[in-house]
Amino acid sequence: MGMIMVKCRQTDRVIPTGIARDRETFLRSAVFFGSTHCPACSANHNWFARDAWVEEPIAPPAKMLGAARTC
């Protein structure tokens, strides 16, 4: 599960919309319009789905988590 992100038109910074979705569901969804308050410039940004993307967290490799190896 990731966060739908857009870019602030004033500062060019990436901001979260507050909407959590997985990438596949987001790409299959109907075209929609959203509005997000921007902490970078304190304005509300209106956006279409084509202007947004899903940023999913990167999971560290199991080896780094100390997971036991099963064979």
C-alpha atoms as a PDB file:
ATOM      1  CA  MET A   1       0.000   0.000   0.000  1.00  0.00           C
ATOM      2  CA  GLY A   2       1.356   3.400  -0.898  1.00  0.00           C
ATOM      3  CA  MET A   3       0.413   7.058  -0.816  1.00  0.00           C
ATOM      4  CA  ILE A   4      -0.915   9.011  -3.794  1.00  0.00           C
ATOM      5  CA  MET A   5       1.483  11.899  -4.392  1.00  0.00           C
ATOM      6  CA  VAL A   6       1.351  15.109  -6.441  1.00  0.00           C
ATOM      7  CA  LYS A   7       3.821  17.905  -7.093  1.00  0.00           C
ATOM      8  CA  CYS A   8       3.366  21.422  -5.712  1.00  0.00           C
ATOM      9  CA  ARG A   9       3.193  23.835  -8.646  1.00  0.00           C
ATOM     10  CA  GLN A  10       4.640  26.668  -6.553  1.00  0.00           C
ATOM     11  CA  THR A  11       7.659  24.942  -4.989  1.00  0.00           C
ATOM     12  CA  ASP A  12       8.051  21.837  -7.202  1.00  0.00           C
ATOM     13  CA  ARG A  13       8.099  19.702  -4.011  1.00  0.00           C
ATOM     14  CA  VAL A  14       6.396  16.312  -3.845  1.00  0.00           C
ATOM     15  CA  ILE A  15       3.457  16.276  -1.428  1.00  0.00           C
ATOM     16  CA  PRO A  16       1.218  13.456  -0.158  1.00  0.00           C
ATOM     17  CA  THR A  17      -2.494  13.685  -0.884  1.00  0.00           C
ATOM     18  CA  GLY A  18      -3.479  11.723   2.207  1.00  0.00           C
ATOM     19  CA  ILE A  19      -5.016   8.985   0.039  1.00  0.00           C
ATOM     20  CA  ALA A  20      -3.548   5.495   0.448  1.00  0.00           C
ATOM     21  CA  ARG A  21      -3.824   3.066  -2.505  1.00  0.00           C
ATOM     22  CA  ASP A  22      -1.807   0.312  -4.078  1.00  0.00           C
ATOM     23  CA  ARG A  23      -0.381   1.108  -7.508  1.00  0.00           C
ATOM     24  CA  GLU A  24      -2.503  -1.434  -9.420  1.00  0.00           C
ATOM     25  CA  THR A  25      -5.785  -0.196  -7.937  1.00  0.00           C
ATOM     26  CA  PHE A  26      -4.821   3.418  -8.629  1.00  0.00           C
ATOM     27  CA  LEU A  27      -3.943   2.662 -12.269  1.00  0.00           C
ATOM     28  CA  ARG A  28      -7.269   0.826 -12.782  1.00  0.00           C
ATOM     29  CA  SER A  29      -9.397   3.521 -11.181  1.00  0.00           C
ATOM     30  CA  ALA A  30     -11.561   5.872 -13.192  1.00  0.00           C
ATOM     31  CA  VAL A  31     -10.184   9.313 -13.900  1.00  0.00           C
ATOM     32  CA  PHE A  32     -10.852  11.443 -10.874  1.00  0.00           C
ATOM     33  CA  PHE A  33     -10.259  14.919  -9.539  1.00  0.00           C
ATOM     34  CA  GLY A  34      -8.830  15.676  -6.108  1.00  0.00           C
ATOM     35  CA  SER A  35      -7.850  18.584  -3.915  1.00  0.00           C
ATOM     36  CA  THR A  36      -4.975  18.535  -1.444  1.00  0.00           C
ATOM     37  CA  HIS A  37      -3.740  21.096   1.052  1.00  0.00           C
ATOM     38  CA  CYS A  38      -0.041  21.717   0.457  1.00  0.00           C
ATOM     39  CA  PRO A  39       2.216  22.135   3.494  1.00  0.00           C
ATOM     40  CA  ALA A  40       4.961  23.518   1.217  1.00  0.00           C
ATOM     41  CA  CYS A  41       3.082  26.626   0.036  1.00  0.00           C
ATOM     42  CA  SER A  42      -0.054  26.588   2.248  1.00  0.00           C
ATOM     43  CA  ALA A  43      -2.363  26.524  -0.783  1.00  0.00           C
ATOM     44  CA  ASN A  44      -4.918  23.956  -1.911  1.00  0.00           C
ATOM     45  CA  HIS A  45      -3.902  22.172  -5.104  1.00  0.00           C
ATOM     46  CA  ASN A  46      -6.533  20.694  -7.394  1.00  0.00           C
ATOM     47  CA  TRP A  47      -5.292  17.734  -9.404  1.00  0.00           C
ATOM     48  CA  PHE A  48      -6.381  14.994 -11.793  1.00  0.00           C
ATOM     49  CA  ALA A  49      -5.296  11.358 -11.510  1.00  0.00           C
ATOM     50  CA  ARG A  50      -3.005  11.830 -14.538  1.00  0.00           C
ATOM     51  CA  ASP A  51      -1.002  14.361 -12.447  1.00  0.00           C
ATOM     52  CA  ALA A  52      -0.529  11.930  -9.545  1.00  0.00           C
ATOM     53  CA  TRP A  53       1.319   8.708  -8.793  1.00  0.00           C
ATOM     54  CA  VAL A  54       1.565   6.122  -6.040  1.00  0.00           C
ATOM     55  CA  GLU A  55       4.709   6.113  -3.959  1.00  0.00           C
ATOM     56  CA  GLU A  56       5.030   2.768  -2.201  1.00  0.00           C
ATOM     57  CA  PRO A  57       7.455   2.161   0.668  1.00  0.00           C
ATOM     58  CA  ILE A  58      10.524   0.154  -0.205  1.00  0.00           C
ATOM     59  CA  ALA A  59      10.729  -3.011   1.851  1.00  0.00           C
ATOM     60  CA  PRO A  60      14.244  -3.885   2.994  1.00  0.00           C
ATOM     61  CA  PRO A  61      15.538  -7.289   1.881  1.00  0.00           C
ATOM     62  CA  ALA A  62      14.653 -10.147   4.254  1.00  0.00           C
ATOM     63  CA  LYS A  63      18.359 -10.661   4.930  1.00  0.00           C
ATOM     64  CA  MET A  64      18.571  -7.182   6.440  1.00  0.00           C
ATOM     65  CA  LEU A  65      15.568  -7.883   8.655  1.00  0.00           C
ATOM     66  CA  GLY A  66      17.328 -10.833  10.221  1.00  0.00           C
ATOM     67  CA  ALA A  67      14.796 -13.311   8.858  1.00  0.00           C
ATOM     68  CA  ALA A  68      15.664 -16.971   9.210  1.00  0.00           C
ATOM     69  CA  ARG A  69      16.452 -18.699   5.954  1.00  0.00           C
ATOM     70  CA  THR A  70      14.317 -21.707   5.113  1.00  0.00           C
ATOM     71  CA  CYS A  71      15.403 -24.277   2.562  1.00  0.00           C
END
